[in-house]
């Protein structure tokens, strides 16, 4: 039958049952792959940007690569809210051919930059782009911190955590100063508390609060929302925004009021949410997203690299300076190990 490729508008994809199924909520889905997530990003975070899906089909086999197009070429359809970006397929046996077809379809754009990608998908896409005649690299760009439970209960997980962390939680809990609650439905008062606490925290200004609220409301409707609130004297002092999907708890946002740091409300709230998602939601993984924040190492046990892909078409004259810089970096790294990451090394 052969592979057919086309680029679809995000709204067009809603009317395609196969695309809607691949990009929909399922027992193995993640927030960052779903069409509704991509549409929220496009609406709130990327207004005026050309956001599309590159689609490859071969019979029932399907592969999709979300992307956005701009003056510099194609980029990942993601923002700082995205833990990762990646292509999706419903037929891994045909993934190589489908991904290569996607890469060829992007040739007229001339340049592609995709990040952050999980290691496996980075290796697969890098191979596909090279086979399709592109020149470029795949190299580490960030770190993802995760906990893989392997059937452990919270008590079993907690017993293996740093003694200083466990002692802090024990002492501050015993004092009874901080009251904790975990909500699974969106409430205006809880969201207002989260926004007020975030504004008082050490965190930078929220990039797009309208997007985050819309996402929280949608996750609440789907039963995936987990909002944690810590209070002292009935006043919210810490808040966290998690979701649960595909057997994974995703930690999106956490903040605490620095004025109450001595009572460790954020630490107590994190422990309570870990207990909830492990013992109540029965997740197999907890994902703390990207970023090498030191505190994540107290809670997580595994670090995974995230990769950036930068590929160019040799015939795209406007990108020759980028290709020249890429070649110079190759020569420099060959003479000074460690070597540039290749698809083989990435896999």
Protein backbone atom coordinates (compact mmCIF):
# COMPACT_ATOMS: atom_id res chain seq x y z
CA UNK A 1 0.00 0.00 0.00
CA UNK A 2 2.84 2.40 0.82
CA UNK A 3 3.18 5.28 3.25
CA UNK A 4 1.14 8.44 2.77
CA UNK A 5 2.08 11.65 4.58
CA UNK A 6 0.30 14.93 5.20
CA UNK A 7 0.28 17.85 7.64
CA UNK A 8 -2.95 18.43 9.54
CA UNK A 9 -4.33 21.32 11.54
CA UNK A 10 -4.91 20.39 15.19
CA UNK A 11 -8.66 20.88 14.87
CA UNK A 12 -8.79 18.71 11.76
CA UNK A 13 -7.34 15.86 13.80
CA UNK A 14 -10.37 15.86 16.08
CA UNK A 15 -12.52 14.57 13.22
CA UNK A 16 -10.19 11.66 12.43
CA UNK A 17 -11.04 8.63 14.62
CA UNK A 18 -7.59 7.04 14.24
CA UNK A 19 -5.77 10.25 15.15
CA UNK A 20 -8.18 10.96 17.99
CA UNK A 21 -7.53 7.49 19.40
CA UNK A 22 -3.73 7.78 19.14
CA UNK A 23 -3.76 11.24 20.71
CA UNK A 24 -6.49 10.58 23.25
CA UNK A 25 -6.63 9.63 26.93
CA UNK A 26 -6.06 5.92 27.50
CA UNK A 27 -4.69 3.51 30.14
CA UNK A 28 -1.17 4.21 28.82
CA UNK A 29 -1.44 7.87 27.74
CA UNK A 30 0.48 10.84 29.10
CA UNK A 31 -0.75 14.43 29.36
CA UNK A 32 1.87 15.69 26.92
CA UNK A 33 0.87 13.43 24.04
CA UNK A 34 -2.82 14.23 24.03
CA UNK A 35 -4.52 16.33 21.40
CA UNK A 36 -6.42 18.33 24.02
CA UNK A 37 -3.09 19.26 25.69
CA UNK A 38 -1.64 20.35 22.34
CA UNK A 39 -4.72 22.44 21.60
CA UNK A 40 -4.54 24.15 24.99
CA UNK A 41 -0.87 24.96 24.38
CA UNK A 42 -1.66 26.38 20.96
CA UNK A 43 -4.54 28.49 22.30
CA UNK A 44 -2.97 29.86 25.48
CA UNK A 45 0.81 29.68 25.06
CA UNK A 46 1.39 29.88 21.30
CA UNK A 47 -1.24 32.25 19.88
CA UNK A 48 -0.61 33.15 16.27
CA UNK A 49 1.81 30.23 15.84
CA UNK A 50 1.30 27.68 13.07
CA UNK A 51 0.76 24.42 14.99
CA UNK A 52 0.39 21.21 13.02
CA UNK A 53 0.61 17.43 13.09
CA UNK A 54 2.84 15.64 10.61
CA UNK A 55 0.98 12.38 9.95
CA UNK A 56 2.26 9.22 8.24
CA UNK A 57 -0.06 6.29 7.42
CA UNK A 58 0.42 2.84 6.00
CA UNK A 59 -2.89 1.04 6.18
CA UNK A 60 -3.84 0.97 9.85
CA UNK A 61 -0.30 1.87 10.93
CA UNK A 62 -0.06 5.49 12.00
CA UNK A 63 2.63 7.88 13.24
CA UNK A 64 2.28 11.51 14.33
CA UNK A 65 4.82 14.25 15.05
CA UNK A 66 3.36 17.48 16.50
CA UNK A 67 5.33 20.59 15.49
CA UNK A 68 5.11 24.34 15.17
CA UNK A 69 6.45 26.30 12.24
CA UNK A 70 8.29 29.60 12.39
CA UNK A 71 10.97 31.65 10.64
CA UNK A 72 13.73 29.37 11.96
CA UNK A 73 12.07 26.19 10.76
CA UNK A 74 10.06 23.56 12.62
CA UNK A 75 10.18 23.26 16.42
CA UNK A 76 8.59 21.00 18.97
CA UNK A 77 4.97 21.69 19.82
CA UNK A 78 5.76 22.15 23.49
CA UNK A 79 6.57 24.79 26.08
CA UNK A 80 8.10 24.98 29.56
CA UNK A 81 5.00 23.09 30.76
CA UNK A 82 5.87 20.02 28.66
CA UNK A 83 7.86 17.32 30.45
CA UNK A 84 8.79 15.99 27.02
CA UNK A 85 7.80 16.03 23.35
CA UNK A 86 7.90 13.03 21.07
CA UNK A 87 6.42 11.31 18.02
CA UNK A 88 3.72 8.69 18.55
CA UNK A 89 2.89 5.54 16.65
CA UNK A 90 0.36 2.75 17.00
CA UNK A 91 2.63 0.23 15.25
CA UNK A 92 6.18 0.02 16.59
CA UNK A 93 7.10 -2.63 14.02
CA UNK A 94 6.70 0.02 11.30
CA UNK A 95 8.00 2.95 13.32
CA UNK A 96 11.25 3.33 11.36
CA UNK A 97 9.51 3.65 7.99
CA UNK A 98 6.80 5.91 9.36
CA UNK A 99 9.24 8.22 11.15
CA UNK A 100 11.40 8.44 8.03
CA UNK A 101 8.33 9.47 6.05
CA UNK A 102 7.61 12.17 8.63
CA UNK A 103 11.19 13.45 8.32
CA UNK A 104 10.94 13.61 4.54
CA UNK A 105 7.67 15.53 4.77
CA UNK A 106 9.40 18.30 6.71
CA UNK A 107 12.13 18.79 4.07
CA UNK A 108 10.62 21.99 2.58
CA UNK A 109 10.90 23.67 6.00
CA UNK A 110 14.68 23.19 5.93
CA UNK A 111 15.44 23.03 9.67
CA UNK A 112 14.04 21.14 12.65
CA UNK A 113 14.75 21.60 16.36
CA UNK A 114 12.98 19.27 18.77
CA UNK A 115 13.41 19.15 22.56
CA UNK A 116 13.17 17.72 25.14
CA UNK A 117 12.86 14.18 23.78
CA UNK A 118 13.04 10.90 25.70
CA UNK A 119 16.11 8.85 24.85
CA UNK A 120 14.41 6.13 22.81
CA UNK A 121 12.42 8.51 20.63
CA UNK A 122 15.46 10.76 20.19
CA UNK A 123 17.45 7.86 18.80
CA UNK A 124 14.61 6.74 16.52
CA UNK A 125 14.00 10.22 15.15
CA UNK A 126 17.68 11.01 14.66
CA UNK A 127 18.05 7.82 12.61
CA UNK A 128 14.94 8.71 10.59
CA UNK A 129 16.15 12.23 9.80
CA UNK A 130 19.58 11.01 8.75
CA UNK A 131 18.08 8.31 6.53
CA UNK A 132 15.83 10.97 4.97
CA UNK A 133 18.89 13.05 4.01
CA UNK A 134 19.08 15.54 6.87
CA UNK A 135 22.29 16.51 8.69
CA UNK A 136 22.27 17.08 12.41
CA UNK A 137 22.80 15.92 15.97
CA UNK A 138 20.98 14.48 18.94
CA UNK A 139 22.53 15.40 22.27
CA UNK A 140 21.55 15.63 25.95
CA UNK A 141 19.81 18.86 26.95
CA UNK A 142 18.14 18.18 30.31
CA UNK A 143 17.49 15.63 33.05
CA UNK A 144 14.26 13.94 34.05
CA UNK A 145 13.84 12.73 37.65
CA UNK A 146 11.54 9.78 38.27
CA UNK A 147 10.60 7.21 40.87
CA UNK A 148 9.85 3.69 39.62
CA UNK A 149 8.02 1.88 42.39
CA UNK A 150 8.22 -1.75 41.22
CA UNK A 151 5.23 -2.71 43.34
CA UNK A 152 6.38 -1.01 46.56
CA UNK A 153 3.94 0.54 49.01
CA UNK A 154 4.55 4.03 50.35
CA UNK A 155 5.93 2.58 53.59
CA UNK A 156 8.43 0.48 51.65
CA UNK A 157 9.45 3.42 49.50
CA UNK A 158 9.68 5.78 52.47
CA UNK A 159 11.92 3.47 54.48
CA UNK A 160 14.59 3.79 51.79
CA UNK A 161 14.59 7.59 51.60
CA UNK A 162 17.27 9.84 53.20
CA UNK A 163 17.10 9.76 56.99
CA UNK A 164 17.23 13.56 57.19
CA UNK A 165 14.13 13.84 55.02
CA UNK A 166 12.24 11.22 57.02
CA UNK A 167 13.21 12.86 60.31
CA UNK A 168 12.05 16.28 59.09
CA UNK A 169 8.66 14.87 58.15
CA UNK A 170 8.39 13.01 61.47
CA UNK A 171 9.26 16.03 63.62
CA UNK A 172 7.18 18.59 61.75
CA UNK A 173 4.20 16.23 61.62
CA UNK A 174 4.44 15.59 65.36
CA UNK A 175 4.22 19.31 66.08
CA UNK A 176 0.74 19.36 64.56
CA UNK A 177 1.15 22.88 63.22
CA UNK A 178 0.47 22.07 59.56
CA UNK A 179 -2.88 20.70 58.35
CA UNK A 180 -2.87 18.85 55.02
CA UNK A 181 -5.57 17.97 52.53
CA UNK A 182 -5.61 16.47 49.06
CA UNK A 183 -8.42 17.31 46.65
CA UNK A 184 -9.34 15.44 43.46
CA UNK A 185 -11.79 18.01 42.05
CA UNK A 186 -11.18 21.58 40.91
CA UNK A 187 -12.43 24.20 43.34
CA UNK A 188 -12.17 27.96 42.88
CA UNK A 189 -10.97 28.48 46.46
CA UNK A 190 -8.20 25.89 46.15
CA UNK A 191 -6.97 27.31 42.85
CA UNK A 192 -7.01 30.83 44.26
CA UNK A 193 -4.96 29.54 47.20
CA UNK A 194 -2.47 27.90 44.82
CA UNK A 195 -2.05 31.11 42.80
CA UNK A 196 -1.64 33.23 45.94
CA UNK A 197 0.99 30.88 47.39
CA UNK A 198 2.84 30.65 44.07
CA UNK A 199 3.05 34.46 44.00
CA UNK A 200 4.71 34.41 47.45
CA UNK A 201 7.09 31.54 46.69
CA UNK A 202 10.64 31.40 45.38
CA UNK A 203 9.30 30.48 41.95
CA UNK A 204 9.56 32.80 38.94
CA UNK A 205 6.42 34.47 37.64
CA UNK A 206 3.98 31.93 36.19
CA UNK A 207 4.36 31.81 32.43
CA UNK A 208 0.72 31.34 31.50
CA UNK A 209 -1.70 30.97 34.42
CA UNK A 210 -4.71 30.80 32.08
CA UNK A 211 -3.28 27.69 30.43
CA UNK A 212 -2.54 26.03 33.74
CA UNK A 213 -6.02 26.69 35.08
CA UNK A 214 -7.68 25.37 31.91
CA UNK A 215 -5.55 22.23 32.13
CA UNK A 216 -6.42 21.75 35.82
CA UNK A 217 -10.12 22.10 35.09
CA UNK A 218 -9.92 19.55 32.28
CA UNK A 219 -7.99 17.09 34.43
CA UNK A 220 -10.54 17.51 37.21
CA UNK A 221 -13.35 16.61 34.78
CA UNK A 222 -11.40 13.49 33.80
CA UNK A 223 -10.79 12.48 37.43
CA UNK A 224 -7.01 12.93 37.07
CA UNK A 225 -6.46 16.03 39.21
CA UNK A 226 -4.62 15.94 42.55
CA UNK A 227 -4.38 19.29 44.35
CA UNK A 228 -2.57 19.38 47.69
CA UNK A 229 -3.06 22.25 50.14
CA UNK A 230 -1.13 22.79 53.41
CA UNK A 231 -2.58 25.19 55.95
CA UNK A 232 -1.38 26.83 59.18
CA UNK A 233 -4.10 28.32 61.35
CA UNK A 234 -6.51 27.72 58.45
CA UNK A 235 -4.41 29.84 56.09
CA UNK A 236 -2.96 28.12 52.97
CA UNK A 237 0.84 28.16 53.06
CA UNK A 238 1.79 25.52 50.47
CA UNK A 239 0.12 24.08 47.38
CA UNK A 240 0.94 21.47 44.77
CA UNK A 241 -0.63 20.55 41.45
CA UNK A 242 -0.28 16.92 40.31
CA UNK A 243 -2.15 14.75 37.84
CA UNK A 244 -2.44 10.97 37.54
CA UNK A 245 -2.58 9.29 34.15
CA UNK A 246 -1.37 6.10 32.52
CA UNK A 247 -0.13 4.69 35.82
CA UNK A 248 2.11 7.71 36.45
CA UNK A 249 1.76 10.61 38.87
CA UNK A 250 2.96 13.82 37.16
CA UNK A 251 4.22 16.61 39.44
CA UNK A 252 3.42 19.80 37.54
CA UNK A 253 3.70 22.60 40.09
CA UNK A 254 4.64 23.06 43.74
CA UNK A 255 5.08 26.18 45.83
CA UNK A 256 5.19 27.31 49.43
CA UNK A 257 5.07 30.62 51.27
CA UNK A 258 8.64 31.45 52.32
CA UNK A 259 7.33 33.12 55.48
CA UNK A 260 6.38 29.68 56.84
CA UNK A 261 9.41 27.76 55.66
CA UNK A 262 10.43 26.84 59.23
CA UNK A 263 7.41 24.54 59.45
CA UNK A 264 8.33 22.69 56.20
CA UNK A 265 4.77 22.74 54.80
CA UNK A 266 5.97 21.97 51.30
CA UNK A 267 7.92 18.91 52.44
CA UNK A 268 4.99 17.61 54.47
CA UNK A 269 2.63 18.15 51.54
CA UNK A 270 4.94 16.36 49.12
CA UNK A 271 5.12 13.35 51.46
CA UNK A 272 1.34 13.28 51.76
CA UNK A 273 0.88 13.38 48.00
CA UNK A 274 3.44 10.62 47.51
CA UNK A 275 1.52 8.51 49.98
CA UNK A 276 -1.76 9.24 48.20
CA UNK A 277 -0.66 8.46 44.65
CA UNK A 278 1.27 5.33 45.71
CA UNK A 279 -1.23 3.77 48.11
CA UNK A 280 -4.52 5.18 46.82
CA UNK A 281 -3.96 5.70 43.07
CA UNK A 282 -1.58 2.72 42.83
CA UNK A 283 0.73 4.39 40.31
CA UNK A 284 3.85 2.58 39.13
CA UNK A 285 5.86 5.76 38.46
CA UNK A 286 6.15 9.29 39.84
CA UNK A 287 7.59 11.84 37.40
CA UNK A 288 9.13 15.09 38.68
CA UNK A 289 9.64 16.54 35.22
CA UNK A 290 12.85 18.13 33.98
CA UNK A 291 15.42 20.29 35.73
CA UNK A 292 18.30 19.36 37.99
CA UNK A 293 16.90 20.91 41.18
CA UNK A 294 18.76 19.42 44.14
CA UNK A 295 15.62 18.76 46.19
CA UNK A 296 14.32 16.33 43.56
CA UNK A 297 17.10 13.89 44.43
CA UNK A 298 15.66 13.50 47.95
CA UNK A 299 12.46 12.04 46.52
CA UNK A 300 13.48 10.40 43.26
CA UNK A 301 15.69 7.41 42.54
CA UNK A 302 16.29 7.53 38.78
CA UNK A 303 17.65 10.22 36.48
CA UNK A 304 16.98 9.97 32.74
CA UNK A 305 18.47 12.21 30.06
CA UNK A 306 16.36 14.29 27.75
CA UNK A 307 17.65 15.05 24.27
CA UNK A 308 17.59 17.91 21.78
CA UNK A 309 17.59 17.24 18.04
CA UNK A 310 18.86 19.84 15.58
CA UNK A 311 18.71 18.83 11.92
CA UNK A 312 19.11 20.74 8.67
CA UNK A 313 18.58 20.06 4.97
CA UNK A 314 21.87 20.43 3.05
CA UNK A 315 20.04 22.20 0.20
CA UNK A 316 18.56 24.86 2.50
CA UNK A 317 21.02 27.70 1.79
CA UNK A 318 19.70 29.84 4.60
CA UNK A 319 20.78 27.21 7.11
CA UNK A 320 24.33 26.76 5.79
CA UNK A 321 25.79 28.89 8.63
CA UNK A 322 24.15 26.56 11.16
CA UNK A 323 25.52 23.56 9.28
CA UNK A 324 28.99 25.12 9.32
CA UNK A 325 28.80 25.63 13.09
CA UNK A 326 27.61 22.07 13.46
CA UNK A 327 30.56 20.78 11.43
CA UNK A 328 32.99 22.87 13.51
CA UNK A 329 31.56 21.42 16.71
CA UNK A 330 31.92 17.92 15.30
CA UNK A 331 35.60 18.50 14.56
CA UNK A 332 36.19 20.06 17.99
CA UNK A 333 34.54 17.21 19.85
CA UNK A 334 36.34 14.56 17.83
CA UNK A 335 39.63 16.08 18.96
CA UNK A 336 38.43 16.55 22.54
CA UNK A 337 36.36 13.68 24.02
CA UNK A 338 33.62 13.03 25.06
CA UNK A 339 32.31 12.68 21.54
CA UNK A 340 29.16 14.26 20.18
CA UNK A 341 26.14 12.14 20.91
CA UNK A 342 25.00 10.17 17.87
CA UNK A 343 21.80 8.21 17.40
CA UNK A 344 23.67 5.04 18.29
CA UNK A 345 24.97 6.57 21.53
CA UNK A 346 21.56 8.01 22.32
CA UNK A 347 19.97 4.58 22.03
